[in-house]
């Protein structure tokens, strides 16, 4: 068996918070602005190039066809987070 990965040191992994299973669908870099999306979290807006929590530009993927029943809002370093049902 052979495994590979591109490990990024000190990259926070919020996907494991509150029981895990989270998928990052929107990102906005640190600053004083929020997401450019205006879809009221319906997941119908897609913009930017999908990246990571370290992306320098905001991005969003569509998630209106994905089955889910919770949102998690988190800071980029995962130190502050909130789960909403």
Protein backbone atom coordinates (compact mmCIF):
# COMPACT_ATOMS: atom_id res chain seq x y z
CA UNK A 1 0.00 0.00 0.00
CA UNK A 2 1.16 3.52 -0.76
CA UNK A 3 -0.23 6.72 0.73
CA UNK A 4 0.62 10.32 -0.07
CA UNK A 5 -0.51 13.68 1.21
CA UNK A 6 0.42 17.33 1.12
CA UNK A 7 0.56 18.14 4.80
CA UNK A 8 0.27 21.81 5.61
CA UNK A 9 1.74 22.53 9.04
CA UNK A 10 -0.47 24.31 11.57
CA UNK A 11 -3.53 24.28 9.32
CA UNK A 12 -6.55 24.22 11.64
CA UNK A 13 -9.02 21.42 10.97
CA UNK A 14 -12.48 22.62 11.97
CA UNK A 15 -14.04 19.56 10.30
CA UNK A 16 -13.42 17.58 13.50
CA UNK A 17 -15.18 20.00 15.87
CA UNK A 18 -18.49 19.14 17.58
CA UNK A 19 -18.45 15.49 16.56
CA UNK A 20 -16.85 15.95 13.13
CA UNK A 21 -18.21 15.28 9.67
CA UNK A 22 -18.17 18.92 8.54
CA UNK A 23 -17.56 20.00 4.94
CA UNK A 24 -16.21 23.49 4.23
CA UNK A 25 -18.54 25.13 1.71
CA UNK A 26 -17.78 28.84 2.15
CA UNK A 27 -14.73 30.82 3.12
CA UNK A 28 -13.92 34.47 3.61
CA UNK A 29 -10.42 35.65 4.58
CA UNK A 30 -9.85 37.35 7.91
CA UNK A 31 -10.89 40.97 7.94
CA UNK A 32 -13.89 43.18 8.46
CA UNK A 33 -16.14 41.82 5.71
CA UNK A 34 -18.50 38.87 5.48
CA UNK A 35 -19.32 36.61 2.57
CA UNK A 36 -20.49 38.23 -0.64
CA UNK A 37 -23.29 35.62 -0.86
CA UNK A 38 -26.82 36.95 -0.57
CA UNK A 39 -28.68 33.63 -0.71
CA UNK A 40 -29.53 33.53 3.02
CA UNK A 41 -27.55 30.27 3.42
CA UNK A 42 -29.63 28.40 0.84
CA UNK A 43 -26.40 27.32 -0.86
CA UNK A 44 -27.37 28.47 -4.34
CA UNK A 45 -24.51 30.90 -4.90
CA UNK A 46 -21.12 29.79 -6.17
CA UNK A 47 -18.21 32.20 -6.54
CA UNK A 48 -14.44 32.31 -6.40
CA UNK A 49 -12.13 29.33 -6.74
CA UNK A 50 -12.69 26.62 -4.12
CA UNK A 51 -9.76 26.54 -1.76
CA UNK A 52 -9.02 26.10 1.93
CA UNK A 53 -9.28 28.11 5.12
CA UNK A 54 -6.08 29.84 4.02
CA UNK A 55 -7.39 31.10 0.68
CA UNK A 56 -6.78 34.81 0.19
CA UNK A 57 -10.06 35.39 -1.64
CA UNK A 58 -13.63 34.53 -0.65
CA UNK A 59 -15.21 31.48 -2.24
CA UNK A 60 -18.36 29.40 -2.06
CA UNK A 61 -19.53 26.15 -3.59
CA UNK A 62 -23.17 25.23 -4.16
CA UNK A 63 -24.63 23.07 -1.43
CA UNK A 64 -28.34 23.31 -2.17
CA UNK A 65 -28.43 19.69 -3.38
CA UNK A 66 -26.46 18.29 -0.44
CA UNK A 67 -28.41 16.76 2.41
CA UNK A 68 -27.55 18.37 5.76
CA UNK A 69 -29.33 19.58 8.89
CA UNK A 70 -26.74 21.71 10.68
CA UNK A 71 -24.51 24.70 9.96
CA UNK A 72 -21.25 25.44 11.70
CA UNK A 73 -19.81 28.94 11.67
CA UNK A 74 -16.16 29.12 12.72
CA UNK A 75 -13.23 31.47 12.81
CA UNK A 76 -10.32 30.50 10.59
CA UNK A 77 -8.28 29.23 13.53
CA UNK A 78 -11.26 27.14 14.81
CA UNK A 79 -11.00 28.72 18.26
CA UNK A 80 -14.50 30.19 18.09
CA UNK A 81 -17.37 28.26 16.54
CA UNK A 82 -21.14 27.88 16.66
CA UNK A 83 -23.39 25.04 15.50
CA UNK A 84 -26.92 25.94 14.40
CA UNK A 85 -29.70 23.49 13.58
